Protein backbone atom coordinates (compact mmCIF):
# COMPACT_ATOMS: atom_id res chain seq x y z
CA MET A 1 -32.50 82.92 14.40
CA SER A 2 -33.85 85.30 17.01
CA THR A 3 -35.12 88.78 16.20
CA GLN A 4 -32.25 90.25 18.21
CA THR A 5 -29.70 88.29 16.16
CA LEU A 6 -31.36 89.34 12.91
CA THR A 7 -31.41 92.96 14.01
CA ALA A 8 -27.69 92.78 14.82
CA ALA A 9 -26.94 91.16 11.45
CA HIS A 10 -29.01 93.84 9.71
CA ALA A 11 -27.05 96.61 11.44
CA GLU A 12 -23.75 94.92 10.65
CA VAL A 13 -24.52 94.65 6.94
CA LYS A 14 -25.66 98.27 6.78
CA ALA A 15 -22.40 99.31 8.47
CA GLU A 16 -20.40 97.29 5.91
CA ILE A 17 -22.20 99.07 3.08
CA ALA A 18 -21.38 102.44 4.66
CA ARG A 19 -17.72 101.43 5.03
CA THR A 20 -17.60 100.35 1.40
CA ASP A 21 -19.00 103.68 0.27
CA THR A 22 -16.43 105.53 2.38
CA LYS A 23 -13.56 103.46 0.99
CA THR A 24 -14.88 103.96 -2.52
CA GLY A 25 -14.99 107.73 -2.08
CA LEU A 26 -11.43 107.82 -0.78
CA LEU A 27 -10.14 105.62 -3.58
CA LEU A 28 -11.99 107.69 -6.17
CA ALA A 29 -10.29 110.82 -4.84
CA PHE A 30 -6.91 109.05 -4.96
CA VAL A 31 -7.47 107.91 -8.56
CA GLY A 32 -8.50 111.44 -9.56
CA ALA A 33 -5.42 112.93 -7.91
CA THR A 34 -3.22 110.33 -9.59
CA LEU A 35 -4.72 111.14 -12.99
CA ALA A 36 -4.19 114.88 -12.43
CA GLY A 37 -0.65 114.35 -11.15
CA THR A 38 0.20 112.12 -14.09
CA TRP A 39 -0.98 114.75 -16.54
CA THR A 40 1.12 117.41 -14.80
CA LEU A 41 4.23 115.22 -14.65
CA ALA A 42 3.94 113.89 -18.20
CA ARG A 43 4.05 117.39 -19.69
CA ASP A 44 7.55 117.92 -18.31
CA LEU A 45 9.05 114.54 -19.18
CA PRO A 46 10.93 113.70 -22.37
CA MET A 47 8.43 111.14 -23.64
CA ASN A 48 9.29 108.34 -26.06
CA ILE A 49 7.14 105.64 -27.67
CA PRO A 50 7.50 103.03 -24.87
CA ALA A 51 6.70 105.72 -22.28
CA TYR A 52 3.61 106.82 -24.23
CA LEU A 53 2.35 103.26 -24.65
CA THR A 54 3.01 102.20 -21.06
CA GLY A 55 1.65 105.45 -19.64
CA GLY A 56 -1.42 105.26 -21.85
CA ALA A 57 -2.15 101.74 -20.65
CA GLY A 58 -1.69 102.88 -17.04
CA LEU A 59 -4.08 105.79 -17.55
CA ALA A 60 -6.62 103.49 -19.19
CA LEU A 61 -6.52 101.20 -16.15
CA LEU A 62 -7.02 104.17 -13.82
CA VAL A 63 -10.00 105.37 -15.85
CA ALA A 64 -11.46 101.85 -15.75
CA ALA A 65 -10.94 101.80 -11.97
CA ALA A 66 -12.76 105.14 -11.66
CA GLY A 67 -15.63 103.69 -13.70
CA LEU A 68 -15.89 100.68 -11.40
CA LEU A 69 -15.84 102.93 -8.35
CA LEU A 70 -18.57 105.16 -9.72
CA ARG A 71 -20.65 102.11 -10.59
CA SER A 72 -20.32 100.74 -7.07
CA VAL A 73 -21.73 103.90 -5.47
CA ARG A 74 -24.41 104.50 -8.10
CA PRO A 75 -27.78 104.31 -6.36
CA ASN A 76 -30.40 101.85 -7.55
CA LEU A 77 -33.58 103.88 -7.41
CA ARG A 78 -35.69 101.24 -9.14
CA SER A 79 -35.36 98.78 -6.32
CA GLY A 80 -38.57 97.32 -4.99
CA ARG A 81 -37.20 97.73 -1.47
CA GLY A 82 -36.15 100.47 0.89
CA PHE A 83 -36.63 104.18 0.50
CA PRO A 84 -37.29 104.20 -3.29
CA HIS A 85 -40.26 101.93 -2.65
CA TRP A 86 -41.30 103.81 0.48
CA ALA A 87 -41.46 107.05 -1.51
CA THR A 88 -44.34 105.58 -3.53
CA LEU A 89 -46.44 104.65 -0.50
CA THR A 90 -48.99 106.48 1.55
CA PRO A 91 -48.26 106.75 5.29
CA GLU A 92 -50.75 103.95 5.97
CA GLU A 93 -49.17 101.68 3.35
CA LEU A 94 -45.74 102.39 4.85
CA VAL A 95 -46.92 101.29 8.29
CA ASP A 96 -48.38 98.10 6.80
CA THR A 97 -45.15 97.42 4.89
CA ALA A 98 -42.96 98.05 7.93
CA THR A 99 -45.15 95.85 10.11
CA GLY A 100 -44.95 92.93 7.68
CA ARG A 101 -41.25 93.39 6.98
CA ASP A 102 -39.15 90.26 6.65
CA LEU A 103 -35.89 91.14 8.41
CA ALA A 104 -34.13 87.97 7.22
CA ALA A 105 -34.90 88.86 3.59
CA ASP A 106 -33.56 92.37 4.21
CA VAL A 107 -30.30 90.97 5.63
CA VAL A 108 -29.91 88.66 2.62
CA GLY A 109 -30.64 91.45 0.13
CA LEU A 110 -28.33 93.93 1.85
CA SER A 111 -25.60 91.29 2.12
CA ARG A 112 -25.77 90.69 -1.63
CA LEU A 113 -25.51 94.44 -2.18
CA ALA A 114 -22.48 94.64 0.14
CA VAL A 115 -20.75 91.75 -1.64
CA ALA A 116 -21.36 93.40 -5.03
CA LYS A 117 -19.95 96.69 -3.73
CA TYR A 118 -16.88 95.00 -2.23
CA THR A 119 -16.30 93.05 -5.44
CA GLY A 120 -16.30 96.27 -7.46
CA LEU A 121 -14.07 97.97 -4.90
CA ARG A 122 -11.61 95.07 -4.95
CA SER A 123 -11.42 95.09 -8.74
CA ALA A 124 -10.89 98.86 -8.72
CA VAL A 125 -8.04 98.51 -6.22
CA ASP A 126 -6.43 95.86 -8.44
CA LEU A 127 -6.77 98.09 -11.52
CA THR A 128 -5.39 101.08 -9.59
CA CYS A 129 -2.33 99.10 -8.49
CA ALA A 130 -1.71 97.79 -12.01
CA GLY A 131 -2.19 101.27 -13.48
CA GLY A 132 0.21 102.74 -10.93
CA ILE A 133 2.86 100.17 -11.79
CA LEU A 134 2.49 101.00 -15.48
CA LEU A 135 2.75 104.73 -14.78
CA VAL A 136 5.93 104.27 -12.75
CA THR A 137 7.32 102.13 -15.57
CA ALA A 138 6.42 104.85 -18.08
CA VAL A 139 8.31 107.41 -15.98
CA LEU A 140 11.35 105.11 -15.93
CA PHE A 141 11.12 104.70 -19.72
CA ALA A 142 10.88 108.46 -20.16
CA LEU A 143 13.80 109.23 -17.84
CA GLY A 144 16.07 106.39 -18.83
CA GLY A 145 15.05 105.95 -22.41
CA ALA A 146 14.08 102.62 -23.89
CA ALA A 147 16.08 100.35 -26.05
């Protein structure tokens, strides 16, 4: 693989990580708004046992989704690579490290990070959808009663 191709792959993976972080931030805001809206709506509904149970399960899934989202954007400051490592170096050591940098290893490492972030994001989206379905079901139970 040429240096130009590796440089392009490196930039692409870094862009994917940035997109993941943006999507995660937006979804985290949505989950937070959904939790706040649910709390506001639930106070005014005539709740019954099925509504409480279904709504509680939906809220639990949303909280789990928020946890996954927070985990996916949590920085790893103990990494032996990148800026956490660079912060421990002298300027001369940084030049030596940058000169001997293995771009292919960086692309592989960043790609693994991107896949981990996307996996967490995907799971959080699935939990958010399932939690939303349960919350809508809880509203229907509360409004229509349950047999």
